[in-house]
Amino acid sequence: MPNIESAIKRVRTAAKSNEANSAKLSTMRTAMKKYEAAVESNDENAKDLLVAATREIDMASAKGLIHTNKANREKSRLAKKLAK
């Protein structure tokens, strides 16, 4: 545990942002899984779920949680699944 006041504050700040970032990544992964499940079962709302998953991926990318190239790769893979 740090002794300096600013270091103590950084620990608190890091913990808070880690929690928020983990939640945002989890939301993104959940949206992707919902979409993939809908595509597997040929649901009619697959297009809507693709839009939602794409939005979550873009938000994670904008926040710097995932790299831009990873975001584009994931969106491409999801769109390819719908085309099949």
PDB file of N, CA and C in Angstrom:
ATOM      1  N   MET A   1       0.845  -1.182   0.000  1.00  0.00           N
ATOM      2  CA  MET A   1       0.000   0.000   0.000  1.00  0.00           C
ATOM      3  C   MET A   1       0.888   1.242   0.000  1.00  0.00           C
ATOM      4  N   PRO A   2       0.576   2.197  -0.872  1.00  0.00           N
ATOM      5  CA  PRO A   2       1.407   3.404  -0.944  1.00  0.00           C
ATOM      6  C   PRO A   2       1.213   4.308   0.276  1.00  0.00           C
ATOM      7  N   ASN A   3       2.244   5.077   0.572  1.00  0.00           N
ATOM      8  CA  ASN A   3       2.203   5.983   1.720  1.00  0.00           C
ATOM      9  C   ASN A   3       1.945   7.423   1.307  1.00  0.00           C
ATOM     10  N   ILE A   4       2.324   7.774   0.095  1.00  0.00           N
ATOM     11  CA  ILE A   4       2.173   9.150  -0.375  1.00  0.00           C
ATOM     12  C   ILE A   4       0.724   9.396  -0.780  1.00  0.00           C
ATOM     13  N   GLU A   5       0.227  10.573  -0.426  1.00  0.00           N
ATOM     14  CA  GLU A   5      -1.183  10.895  -0.640  1.00  0.00           C
ATOM     15  C   GLU A   5      -1.586  10.793  -2.102  1.00  0.00           C
ATOM     16  N   SER A   6      -0.745  11.305  -3.000  1.00  0.00           N
ATOM     17  CA  SER A   6      -1.088  11.259  -4.430  1.00  0.00           C
ATOM     18  C   SER A   6      -1.094   9.816  -4.945  1.00  0.00           C
ATOM     19  N   ALA A   7      -0.201   8.986  -4.423  1.00  0.00           N
ATOM     20  CA  ALA A   7      -0.174   7.583  -4.828  1.00  0.00           C
ATOM     21  C   ALA A   7      -1.413   6.845  -4.326  1.00  0.00           C
ATOM     22  N   ILE A   8      -1.868   7.194  -3.131  1.00  0.00           N
ATOM     23  CA  ILE A   8      -3.089   6.597  -2.584  1.00  0.00           C
ATOM     24  C   ILE A   8      -4.275   6.957  -3.470  1.00  0.00           C
ATOM     25  N   LYS A   9      -4.322   8.215  -3.902  1.00  0.00           N
ATOM     26  CA  LYS A   9      -5.405   8.665  -4.768  1.00  0.00           C
ATOM     27  C   LYS A   9      -5.349   7.941  -6.111  1.00  0.00           C
ATOM     28  N   ARG A  10      -4.144   7.736  -6.649  1.00  0.00           N
ATOM     29  CA  ARG A  10      -4.003   7.031  -7.924  1.00  0.00           C
ATOM     30  C   ARG A  10      -4.517   5.594  -7.814  1.00  0.00           C
ATOM     31  N   VAL A  11      -4.300   4.960  -6.673  1.00  0.00           N
ATOM     32  CA  VAL A  11      -4.791   3.602  -6.472  1.00  0.00           C
ATOM     33  C   VAL A  11      -6.320   3.595  -6.509  1.00  0.00           C
ATOM     34  N   ARG A  12      -6.933   4.572  -5.824  1.00  0.00           N
ATOM     35  CA  ARG A  12      -8.395   4.670  -5.833  1.00  0.00           C
ATOM     36  C   ARG A  12      -8.906   4.944  -7.238  1.00  0.00           C
ATOM     37  N   THR A  13      -8.276   5.866  -7.937  1.00  0.00           N
ATOM     38  CA  THR A  13      -8.696   6.230  -9.290  1.00  0.00           C
ATOM     39  C   THR A  13      -8.553   5.051 -10.237  1.00  0.00           C
ATOM     40  N   ALA A  14      -7.442   4.348 -10.139  1.00  0.00           N
ATOM     41  CA  ALA A  14      -7.202   3.197 -11.007  1.00  0.00           C
ATOM     42  C   ALA A  14      -8.239   2.105 -10.762  1.00  0.00           C
ATOM     43  N   ALA A  15      -8.583   1.889  -9.503  1.00  0.00           N
ATOM     44  CA  ALA A  15      -9.578   0.863  -9.180  1.00  0.00           C
ATOM     45  C   ALA A  15     -10.939   1.232  -9.751  1.00  0.00           C
ATOM     46  N   LYS A  16     -11.291   2.505  -9.650  1.00  0.00           N
ATOM     47  CA  LYS A  16     -12.582   2.964 -10.157  1.00  0.00           C
ATOM     48  C   LYS A  16     -12.652   2.831 -11.678  1.00  0.00           C
ATOM     49  N   SER A  17     -11.583   3.254 -12.366  1.00  0.00           N
ATOM     50  CA  SER A  17     -11.590   3.166 -13.826  1.00  0.00           C
ATOM     51  C   SER A  17     -11.496   1.726 -14.294  1.00  0.00           C
ATOM     52  N   ASN A  18     -10.796   0.880 -13.542  1.00  0.00           N
ATOM     53  CA  ASN A  18     -10.728  -0.535 -13.900  1.00  0.00           C
ATOM     54  C   ASN A  18     -12.109  -1.164 -13.846  1.00  0.00           C
ATOM     55  N   GLU A  19     -12.875  -0.808 -12.841  1.00  0.00           N
ATOM     56  CA  GLU A  19     -14.231  -1.333 -12.711  1.00  0.00           C
ATOM     57  C   GLU A  19     -15.109  -0.867 -13.868  1.00  0.00           C
ATOM     58  N   ALA A  20     -15.016   0.411 -14.217  1.00  0.00           N
ATOM     59  CA  ALA A  20     -15.822   0.960 -15.311  1.00  0.00           C
ATOM     60  C   ALA A  20     -15.421   0.334 -16.642  1.00  0.00           C
ATOM     61  N   ASN A  21     -14.111   0.210 -16.863  1.00  0.00           N
ATOM     62  CA  ASN A  21     -13.638  -0.364 -18.122  1.00  0.00           C
ATOM     63  C   ASN A  21     -14.038  -1.829 -18.252  1.00  0.00           C
ATOM     64  N   SER A  22     -13.965  -2.558 -17.160  1.00  0.00           N
ATOM     65  CA  SER A  22     -14.367  -3.959 -17.182  1.00  0.00           C
ATOM     66  C   SER A  22     -15.848  -4.092 -17.508  1.00  0.00           C
ATOM     67  N   ALA A  23     -16.646  -3.207 -16.963  1.00  0.00           N
ATOM     68  CA  ALA A  23     -18.082  -3.235 -17.228  1.00  0.00           C
ATOM     69  C   ALA A  23     -18.372  -2.947 -18.697  1.00  0.00           C
ATOM     70  N   LYS A  24     -17.669  -1.985 -19.275  1.00  0.00           N
ATOM     71  CA  LYS A  24     -17.886  -1.645 -20.682  1.00  0.00           C
ATOM     72  C   LYS A  24     -17.455  -2.787 -21.598  1.00  0.00           C
ATOM     73  N   LEU A  25     -16.337  -3.435 -21.281  1.00  0.00           N
ATOM     74  CA  LEU A  25     -15.896  -4.574 -22.077  1.00  0.00           C
ATOM     75  C   LEU A  25     -16.880  -5.732 -21.964  1.00  0.00           C
ATOM     76  N   SER A  26     -17.400  -5.939 -20.762  1.00  0.00           N
ATOM     77  CA  SER A  26     -18.361  -7.011 -20.546  1.00  0.00           C
ATOM     78  C   SER A  26     -19.634  -6.758 -21.349  1.00  0.00           C
ATOM     79  N   THR A  27     -20.084  -5.513 -21.383  1.00  0.00           N
ATOM     80  CA  THR A  27     -21.273  -5.146 -22.159  1.00  0.00           C
ATOM     81  C   THR A  27     -21.048  -5.426 -23.639  1.00  0.00           C
ATOM     82  N   MET A  28     -19.849  -5.100 -24.121  1.00  0.00           N
ATOM     83  CA  MET A  28     -19.521  -5.335 -25.523  1.00  0.00           C
ATOM     84  C   MET A  28     -19.546  -6.833 -25.829  1.00  0.00           C
ATOM     85  N   ARG A  29     -18.910  -7.633 -24.983  1.00  0.00           N
ATOM     86  CA  ARG A  29     -18.849  -9.073 -25.211  1.00  0.00           C
ATOM     87  C   ARG A  29     -20.242  -9.698 -25.153  1.00  0.00           C
ATOM     88  N   THR A  30     -21.071  -9.215 -24.231  1.00  0.00           N
ATOM     89  CA  THR A  30     -22.430  -9.732 -24.106  1.00  0.00           C
ATOM     90  C   THR A  30     -23.235  -9.439 -25.361  1.00  0.00           C
ATOM     91  N   ALA A  31     -23.099  -8.232 -25.901  1.00  0.00           N
ATOM     92  CA  ALA A  31     -23.815  -7.867 -27.127  1.00  0.00           C
ATOM     93  C   ALA A  31     -23.372  -8.751 -28.287  1.00  0.00           C
ATOM     94  N   MET A  32     -22.074  -9.030 -28.352  1.00  0.00           N
ATOM     95  CA  MET A  32     -21.573  -9.891 -29.422  1.00  0.00           C
ATOM     96  C   MET A  32     -22.128 -11.309 -29.283  1.00  0.00           C
ATOM     97  N   LYS A  33     -22.162 -11.822 -28.059  1.00  0.00           N
ATOM     98  CA  LYS A  33     -22.658 -13.178 -27.833  1.00  0.00           C
ATOM     99  C   LYS A  33     -24.156 -13.282 -28.139  1.00  0.00           C
ATOM    100  N   LYS A  34     -24.925 -12.250 -27.774  1.00  0.00           N
ATOM    101  CA  LYS A  34     -26.356 -12.257 -28.075  1.00  0.00           C
ATOM    102  C   LYS A  34     -26.580 -12.303 -29.579  1.00  0.00           C
ATOM    103  N   TYR A  35     -25.791 -11.513 -30.314  1.00  0.00           N
ATOM    104  CA  TYR A  35     -25.917 -11.489 -31.765  1.00  0.00           C
ATOM    105  C   TYR A  35     -25.556 -12.849 -32.355  1.00  0.00           C
ATOM    106  N   GLU A  36     -24.449 -13.427 -31.906  1.00  0.00           N
ATOM    107  CA  GLU A  36     -24.017 -14.719 -32.440  1.00  0.00           C
ATOM    108  C   GLU A  36     -25.046 -15.808 -32.152  1.00  0.00           C
ATOM    109  N   ALA A  37     -25.672 -15.756 -30.980  1.00  0.00           N
ATOM    110  CA  ALA A  37     -26.717 -16.725 -30.649  1.00  0.00           C
ATOM    111  C   ALA A  37     -27.933 -16.541 -31.546  1.00  0.00           C
ATOM    112  N   ALA A  38     -28.267 -15.293 -31.854  1.00  0.00           N
ATOM    113  CA  ALA A  38     -29.410 -15.016 -32.721  1.00  0.00           C
ATOM    114  C   ALA A  38     -29.143 -15.506 -34.141  1.00  0.00           C
ATOM    115  N   VAL A  39     -27.916 -15.349 -34.611  1.00  0.00           N
ATOM    116  CA  VAL A  39     -27.567 -15.815 -35.954  1.00  0.00           C
ATOM    117  C   VAL A  39     -27.636 -17.338 -36.009  1.00  0.00           C
ATOM    118  N   GLU A  40     -27.163 -17.994 -34.953  1.00  0.00           N
ATOM    119  CA  GLU A  40     -27.191 -19.462 -34.906  1.00  0.00           C
ATOM    120  C   GLU A  40     -28.625 -19.996 -34.966  1.00  0.00           C
ATOM    121  N   SER A  41     -29.542 -19.321 -34.270  1.00  0.00           N
ATOM    122  CA  SER A  41     -30.920 -19.805 -34.216  1.00  0.00           C
ATOM    123  C   SER A  41     -31.810 -19.149 -35.272  1.00  0.00           C
ATOM    124  N   ASN A  42     -31.209 -18.402 -36.204  1.00  0.00           N
ATOM    125  CA  ASN A  42     -31.934 -17.753 -37.306  1.00  0.00           C
ATOM    126  C   ASN A  42     -33.061 -16.847 -36.818  1.00  0.00           C
ATOM    127  N   ASP A  43     -32.804 -16.086 -35.773  1.00  0.00           N
ATOM    128  CA  ASP A  43     -33.804 -15.135 -35.274  1.00  0.00           C
ATOM    129  C   ASP A  43     -33.967 -13.981 -36.253  1.00  0.00           C
ATOM    130  N   GLU A  44     -35.154 -13.365 -36.215  1.00  0.00           N
ATOM    131  CA  GLU A  44     -35.430 -12.245 -37.110  1.00  0.00           C
ATOM    132  C   GLU A  44     -34.792 -10.948 -36.621  1.00  0.00           C
ATOM    133  N   ASN A  45     -34.477 -10.881 -35.333  1.00  0.00           N
ATOM    134  CA  ASN A  45     -33.899  -9.656 -34.796  1.00  0.00           C
ATOM    135  C   ASN A  45     -32.373  -9.647 -34.860  1.00  0.00           C
ATOM    136  N   ALA A  46     -31.804 -10.486 -35.699  1.00  0.00           N
ATOM    137  CA  ALA A  46     -30.342 -10.564 -35.803  1.00  0.00           C
ATOM    138  C   ALA A  46     -29.754  -9.248 -36.311  1.00  0.00           C
ATOM    139  N   LYS A  47     -30.457  -8.602 -37.245  1.00  0.00           N
ATOM    140  CA  LYS A  47     -29.945  -7.333 -37.776  1.00  0.00           C
ATOM    141  C   LYS A  47     -29.900  -6.262 -36.697  1.00  0.00           C
ATOM    142  N   ASP A  48     -30.936  -6.213 -35.877  1.00  0.00           N
ATOM    143  CA  ASP A  48     -30.966  -5.234 -34.789  1.00  0.00           C
ATOM    144  C   ASP A  48     -29.841  -5.515 -33.788  1.00  0.00           C
ATOM    145  N   LEU A  49     -29.611  -6.786 -33.511  1.00  0.00           N
ATOM    146  CA  LEU A  49     -28.543  -7.146 -32.582  1.00  0.00           C
ATOM    147  C   LEU A  49     -27.168  -6.860 -33.177  1.00  0.00           C
ATOM    148  N   LEU A  50     -27.057  -6.955 -34.509  1.00  0.00           N
ATOM    149  CA  LEU A  50     -25.795  -6.595 -35.159  1.00  0.00           C
ATOM    150  C   LEU A  50     -25.517  -5.111 -34.977  1.00  0.00           C
ATOM    151  N   VAL A  51     -26.540  -4.298 -35.123  1.00  0.00           N
ATOM    152  CA  VAL A  51     -26.386  -2.851 -34.928  1.00  0.00           C
ATOM    153  C   VAL A  51     -25.978  -2.554 -33.489  1.00  0.00           C
ATOM    154  N   ALA A  52     -26.609  -3.240 -32.543  1.00  0.00           N
ATOM    155  CA  ALA A  52     -26.284  -3.026 -31.131  1.00  0.00           C
ATOM    156  C   ALA A  52     -24.854  -3.469 -30.821  1.00  0.00           C
ATOM    157  N   ALA A  53     -24.448  -4.612 -31.359  1.00  0.00           N
ATOM    158  CA  ALA A  53     -23.098  -5.105 -31.118  1.00  0.00           C
ATOM    159  C   ALA A  53     -22.071  -4.176 -31.750  1.00  0.00           C
ATOM    160  N   THR A  54     -22.348  -3.705 -32.941  1.00  0.00           N
ATOM    161  CA  THR A  54     -21.440  -2.778 -33.623  1.00  0.00           C
ATOM    162  C   THR A  54     -21.296  -1.492 -32.824  1.00  0.00           C
ATOM    163  N   ARG A  55     -22.392  -1.025 -32.273  1.00  0.00           N
ATOM    164  CA  ARG A  55     -22.362   0.196 -31.460  1.00  0.00           C
ATOM    165  C   ARG A  55     -21.500  -0.003 -30.219  1.00  0.00           C
ATOM    166  N   GLU A  56     -21.669  -1.135 -29.556  1.00  0.00           N
ATOM    167  CA  GLU A  56     -20.874  -1.417 -28.358  1.00  0.00           C
ATOM    168  C   GLU A  56     -19.389  -1.534 -28.692  1.00  0.00           C
ATOM    169  N   ILE A  57     -19.080  -2.156 -29.822  1.00  0.00           N
ATOM    170  CA  ILE A  57     -17.685  -2.284 -30.243  1.00  0.00           C
ATOM    171  C   ILE A  57     -17.100  -0.904 -30.523  1.00  0.00           C
ATOM    172  N   ASP A  58     -17.860  -0.062 -31.216  1.00  0.00           N
ATOM    173  CA  ASP A  58     -17.385   1.295 -31.522  1.00  0.00           C
ATOM    174  C   ASP A  58     -17.169   2.104 -30.250  1.00  0.00           C
ATOM    175  N   MET A  59     -18.058   1.947 -29.278  1.00  0.00           N
ATOM    176  CA  MET A  59     -17.909   2.685 -28.027  1.00  0.00           C
ATOM    177  C   MET A  59     -16.666   2.242 -27.271  1.00  0.00           C
ATOM    178  N   ALA A  60     -16.407   0.939 -27.251  1.00  0.00           N
ATOM    179  CA  ALA A  60     -15.213   0.428 -26.577  1.00  0.00           C
ATOM    180  C   ALA A  60     -13.957   0.917 -27.283  1.00  0.00           C
ATOM    181  N   SER A  61     -14.013   0.982 -28.596  1.00  0.00           N
ATOM    182  CA  SER A  61     -12.873   1.460 -29.369  1.00  0.00           C
ATOM    183  C   SER A  61     -12.645   2.953 -29.125  1.00  0.00           C
ATOM    184  N   ALA A  62     -13.717   3.712 -29.059  1.00  0.00           N
ATOM    185  CA  ALA A  62     -13.604   5.155 -28.842  1.00  0.00           C
ATOM    186  C   ALA A  62     -13.020   5.464 -27.467  1.00  0.00           C
ATOM    187  N   LYS A  63     -13.321   4.621 -26.484  1.00  0.00           N
ATOM    188  CA  LYS A  63     -12.797   4.817 -25.131  1.00  0.00           C
ATOM    189  C   LYS A  63     -11.368   4.300 -24.985  1.00  0.00           C
ATOM    190  N   GLY A  64     -10.857   3.635 -26.026  1.00  0.00           N
ATOM    191  CA  GLY A  64      -9.499   3.116 -25.961  1.00  0.00           C
ATOM    192  C   GLY A  64      -9.401   1.774 -25.257  1.00  0.00           C
ATOM    193  N   LEU A  65     -10.525   1.103 -25.077  1.00  0.00           N
ATOM    194  CA  LEU A  65     -10.507  -0.189 -24.400  1.00  0.00           C
ATOM    195  C   LEU A  65     -10.022  -1.290 -25.329  1.00  0.00           C
ATOM    196  N   ILE A  66     -10.321  -1.152 -26.613  1.00  0.00           N
ATOM    197  CA  ILE A  66      -9.795  -2.080 -27.614  1.00  0.00           C
ATOM    198  C   ILE A  66      -9.205  -1.258 -28.746  1.00  0.00           C
ATOM    199  N   HIS A  67      -8.283  -1.841 -29.467  1.00  0.00           N
ATOM    200  CA  HIS A  67      -7.622  -1.148 -30.567  1.00  0.00           C
ATOM    201  C   HIS A  67      -8.593  -0.996 -31.734  1.00  0.00           C
ATOM    202  N   THR A  68      -8.391   0.031 -32.531  1.00  0.00           N
ATOM    203  CA  THR A  68      -9.260   0.296 -33.678  1.00  0.00           C
ATOM    204  C   THR A  68      -9.263  -0.874 -34.653  1.00  0.00           C
ATOM    205  N   ASN A  69      -8.107  -1.462 -34.886  1.00  0.00           N
ATOM    206  CA  ASN A  69      -8.039  -2.595 -35.810  1.00  0.00           C
ATOM    207  C   ASN A  69      -8.822  -3.792 -35.277  1.00  0.00           C
ATOM    208  N   LYS A  70      -8.764  -4.025 -33.984  1.00  0.00           N
ATOM    209  CA  LYS A  70      -9.531  -5.126 -33.387  1.00  0.00           C
ATOM    210  C   LYS A  70     -11.022  -4.856 -33.529  1.00  0.00           C
ATOM    211  N   ALA A  71     -11.425  -3.605 -33.323  1.00  0.00           N
ATOM    212  CA  ALA A  71     -12.836  -3.245 -33.463  1.00  0.00           C
ATOM    213  C   ALA A  71     -13.312  -3.520 -34.883  1.00  0.00           C
ATOM    214  N   ASN A  72     -12.533  -3.086 -35.868  1.00  0.00           N
ATOM    215  CA  ASN A  72     -12.914  -3.299 -37.260  1.00  0.00           C
ATOM    216  C   ASN A  72     -12.942  -4.781 -37.611  1.00  0.00           C
ATOM    217  N   ARG A  73     -11.994  -5.534 -37.087  1.00  0.00           N
ATOM    218  CA  ARG A  73     -11.946  -6.974 -37.339  1.00  0.00           C
ATOM    219  C   ARG A  73     -13.164  -7.668 -36.751  1.00  0.00           C
ATOM    220  N   GLU A  74     -13.532  -7.312 -35.541  1.00  0.00           N
ATOM    221  CA  GLU A  74     -14.703  -7.930 -34.899  1.00  0.00           C
ATOM    222  C   GLU A  74     -15.991  -7.579 -35.647  1.00  0.00           C
ATOM    223  N   LYS A  75     -16.133  -6.314 -36.050  1.00  0.00           N
ATOM    224  CA  LYS A  75     -17.331  -5.906 -36.787  1.00  0.00           C
ATOM    225  C   LYS A  75     -17.424  -6.649 -38.112  1.00  0.00           C
ATOM    226  N   SER A  76     -16.290  -6.823 -38.764  1.00  0.00           N
ATOM    227  CA  SER A  76     -16.265  -7.543 -40.036  1.00  0.00           C
ATOM    228  C   SER A  76     -16.677  -8.988 -39.852  1.00  0.00           C
ATOM    229  N   ARG A  77     -16.174  -9.627 -38.820  1.00  0.00           N
ATOM    230  CA  ARG A  77     -16.515 -11.021 -38.554  1.00  0.00           C
ATOM    231  C   ARG A  77     -18.000 -11.179 -38.247  1.00  0.00           C
ATOM    232  N   LEU A  78     -18.548 -10.236 -37.478  1.00  0.00           N
ATOM    233  CA  LEU A  78     -19.970 -10.312 -37.145  1.00  0.00           C
ATOM    234  C   LEU A  78     -20.837 -10.126 -38.385  1.00  0.00           C
ATOM    235  N   ALA A  79     -20.465  -9.168 -39.227  1.00  0.00           N
ATOM    236  CA  ALA A  79     -21.237  -8.914 -40.449  1.00  0.00           C
ATOM    237  C   ALA A  79     -21.157 -10.115 -41.389  1.00  0.00           C
ATOM    238  N   LYS A  80     -20.012 -10.776 -41.430  1.00  0.00           N
ATOM    239  CA  LYS A  80     -19.824 -11.940 -42.295  1.00  0.00           C
ATOM    240  C   LYS A  80     -20.744 -13.081 -41.865  1.00  0.00           C
ATOM    241  N   LYS A  81     -20.966 -13.197 -40.542  1.00  0.00           N
ATOM    242  CA  LYS A  81     -21.841 -14.269 -40.040  1.00  0.00           C
ATOM    243  C   LYS A  81     -23.274 -14.060 -40.498  1.00  0.00           C
ATOM    244  N   LEU A  82     -23.704 -12.800 -40.589  1.00  0.00           N
ATOM    245  CA  LEU A  82     -25.067 -12.510 -41.023  1.00  0.00           C
ATOM    246  C   LEU A  82     -25.229 -12.830 -42.495  1.00  0.00           C
ATOM    247  N   ALA A  83     -24.196 -12.601 -43.299  1.00  0.00           N
ATOM    248  CA  ALA A  83     -24.264 -12.821 -44.735  1.00  0.00           C
ATOM    249  C   ALA A  83     -24.372 -14.300 -45.095  1.00  0.00           C
ATOM    250  N   LYS A  84     -23.895 -15.182 -44.209  1.00  0.00           N
ATOM    251  CA  LYS A  84     -23.930 -16.618 -44.519  1.00  0.00           C
ATOM    252  C   LYS A  84     -25.307 -17.194 -44.495  1.00  0.00           C
TER     253      LYS A  84
END
